[in-house]
Amino acid sequence: MRTVFVLIVSLLCIGCGSKEHIAMQAVDTYGWTKPVSIVYSNDDTESLRDISVALRYNDKFKDDTLTVTLHTSLPDVHQCREQVLLHLKRDYHATAVTASEVIPYRADCLLEQRGDYIFTITPCRTVKGVEAVGIEIRE
């Protein structure tokens, strides 16, 4: 009986765990200028999600903010484009080779369509020191 109870509690805890998807792509650390596209295949049309921009950078990236254009293509071909000012915490330490940050973009989003959402991130100017950029989607 005790084993069954432990098993049921364990399954409930696993089922309540946070679902997270993060995808990143490397960029030119000497001068990032080109768009980066991240594809997210959605099959859950009921859960609310938080969407963030993820950055990995080195000591050549000196800024506290970064302005990017974020273009989102939905599965039904609708699109949204906006300029976003990202505020970084800059927890970079001199002894670290690189630092990573996840900057909130949208909270409690409902991705109500099944299929591929394409997030394209483009810097508004040449950026030095950024090594990779991506999208994090968390339930």
Protein backbone atom coordinates (compact mmCIF):
# COMPACT_ATOMS: atom_id res chain seq x y z
CA MET A 1 0.00 0.00 0.00
CA ARG A 2 2.79 2.41 0.91
CA THR A 3 4.59 1.70 -2.41
CA VAL A 4 1.41 2.49 -4.37
CA PHE A 5 1.00 5.78 -2.48
CA VAL A 6 4.62 6.80 -3.19
CA LEU A 7 4.19 5.88 -6.86
CA ILE A 8 1.01 7.96 -7.18
CA VAL A 9 2.59 11.00 -5.48
CA SER A 10 5.67 10.68 -7.71
CA LEU A 11 3.54 10.55 -10.87
CA LEU A 12 1.56 13.61 -9.76
CA CYS A 13 4.78 15.56 -9.13
CA ILE A 14 6.17 14.61 -12.53
CA GLY A 15 2.93 15.62 -14.23
CA CYS A 16 2.99 19.03 -12.57
CA GLY A 17 6.57 19.75 -13.60
CA SER A 18 7.35 22.83 -15.65
CA LYS A 19 7.65 22.33 -19.39
CA GLU A 20 10.40 24.35 -21.01
CA HIS A 21 11.72 24.66 -24.54
CA ILE A 22 14.85 26.62 -25.37
CA ALA A 23 16.55 26.83 -28.75
CA MET A 24 19.61 28.91 -29.58
CA GLN A 25 21.75 29.54 -32.63
CA ALA A 26 25.31 30.76 -32.83
CA VAL A 27 25.94 34.20 -34.33
CA ASP A 28 29.06 36.03 -35.51
CA THR A 29 30.68 37.13 -32.25
CA TYR A 30 32.80 39.72 -34.13
CA GLY A 31 29.73 41.47 -35.50
CA TRP A 32 26.22 40.02 -35.29
CA THR A 33 24.07 41.62 -38.00
CA LYS A 34 22.09 38.80 -39.62
CA PRO A 35 18.64 37.53 -38.60
CA VAL A 36 18.40 34.35 -36.54
CA SER A 37 15.28 32.19 -36.91
CA ILE A 38 14.05 29.79 -34.25
CA VAL A 39 11.24 27.35 -35.06
CA TYR A 40 8.94 26.20 -32.28
CA SER A 41 6.57 23.33 -33.13
CA ASN A 42 3.43 23.80 -31.04
CA ASP A 43 0.98 21.04 -30.26
CA ASP A 44 -0.47 22.47 -27.01
CA THR A 45 -3.18 25.03 -27.72
CA GLU A 46 -4.46 25.37 -24.14
CA SER A 47 -1.50 26.17 -21.86
CA LEU A 48 -0.29 29.70 -21.17
CA ARG A 49 3.42 30.26 -21.84
CA ASP A 50 6.09 32.80 -21.03
CA ILE A 51 8.33 33.70 -23.96
CA SER A 52 11.84 35.06 -23.41
CA VAL A 53 14.88 35.97 -25.49
CA ALA A 54 18.03 34.06 -24.54
CA LEU A 55 21.53 35.50 -25.06
CA ARG A 56 25.02 34.12 -24.55
CA TYR A 57 27.78 36.74 -24.67
CA ASN A 58 31.44 37.25 -23.81
CA ASP A 59 33.50 40.13 -22.38
CA LYS A 60 33.45 42.02 -25.70
CA PHE A 61 29.73 42.71 -25.24
CA LYS A 62 29.65 45.82 -23.03
CA ASP A 63 26.04 47.05 -23.23
CA ASP A 64 23.28 46.95 -20.61
CA THR A 65 20.57 47.04 -23.26
CA LEU A 66 20.11 45.58 -26.72
CA THR A 67 17.49 46.57 -29.26
CA VAL A 68 16.32 43.84 -31.62
CA THR A 69 13.53 43.39 -34.12
CA LEU A 70 11.45 40.35 -33.26
CA HIS A 71 9.40 38.98 -36.14
CA THR A 72 6.93 36.19 -35.35
CA SER A 73 5.33 34.06 -38.07
CA LEU A 74 2.31 31.99 -37.01
CA PRO A 75 1.30 28.64 -38.51
CA ASP A 76 -1.57 30.29 -40.44
CA VAL A 77 0.93 32.73 -42.07
CA HIS A 78 -0.13 35.75 -39.97
CA GLN A 79 2.87 37.77 -38.81
CA CYS A 80 3.87 40.26 -36.16
CA ARG A 81 6.97 42.46 -36.17
CA GLU A 82 8.09 44.74 -33.36
CA GLN A 83 11.18 46.42 -32.04
CA VAL A 84 12.09 45.22 -28.55
CA LEU A 85 14.47 46.82 -26.05
CA LEU A 86 16.09 44.06 -23.97
CA HIS A 87 17.40 45.04 -20.52
CA LEU A 88 20.29 42.84 -19.40
CA LYS A 89 21.33 42.17 -15.81
CA ARG A 90 25.01 41.94 -16.81
CA ASP A 91 25.94 39.27 -14.26
CA TYR A 92 29.14 38.73 -16.22
CA HIS A 93 32.18 38.09 -14.02
CA ALA A 94 35.75 38.73 -15.10
CA THR A 95 36.70 35.10 -14.51
CA ALA A 96 33.91 33.75 -16.70
CA VAL A 97 34.49 32.97 -20.36
CA THR A 98 30.85 33.64 -21.27
CA ALA A 99 27.61 34.65 -19.59
CA SER A 100 24.03 33.74 -20.43
CA GLU A 101 20.80 35.59 -19.76
CA VAL A 102 17.14 34.96 -20.40
CA ILE A 103 15.24 38.24 -20.84
CA PRO A 104 11.42 38.17 -20.52
CA TYR A 105 9.54 39.15 -23.69
CA ARG A 106 5.87 38.10 -23.22
CA ALA A 107 4.05 36.55 -20.26
CA ASP A 108 0.96 34.32 -20.26
CA CYS A 109 0.78 33.87 -24.04
CA LEU A 110 -1.64 31.43 -25.59
CA LEU A 111 -0.22 29.80 -28.70
CA GLU A 112 -3.64 28.86 -29.99
CA GLN A 113 -2.59 27.32 -33.30
CA ARG A 114 -1.00 23.94 -33.89
CA GLY A 115 2.09 23.99 -36.06
CA ASP A 116 5.34 25.89 -36.45
CA TYR A 117 5.84 29.33 -34.92
CA ILE A 118 8.93 31.03 -36.36
CA PHE A 119 10.65 33.66 -34.21
CA THR A 120 13.22 35.74 -36.12
CA ILE A 121 15.54 37.96 -34.07
CA THR A 122 17.58 40.69 -35.80
CA PRO A 123 19.79 43.22 -34.02
CA CYS A 124 19.06 46.86 -34.87
CA ARG A 125 22.80 47.55 -35.16
CA THR A 126 26.02 45.56 -35.40
CA VAL A 127 26.64 43.86 -32.06
CA LYS A 128 30.04 42.58 -30.92
CA GLY A 129 30.47 39.92 -28.25
CA VAL A 130 27.14 38.09 -28.57
CA GLU A 131 27.86 34.42 -29.25
CA ALA A 132 24.34 32.96 -29.48
CA VAL A 133 20.73 34.08 -29.41
CA GLY A 134 17.49 32.17 -29.04
CA ILE A 135 14.01 31.82 -27.64
CA GLU A 136 12.86 30.20 -24.41
CA ILE A 137 9.23 29.11 -24.07
CA ARG A 138 8.14 28.05 -20.60
CA GLU A 139 4.77 26.78 -19.45
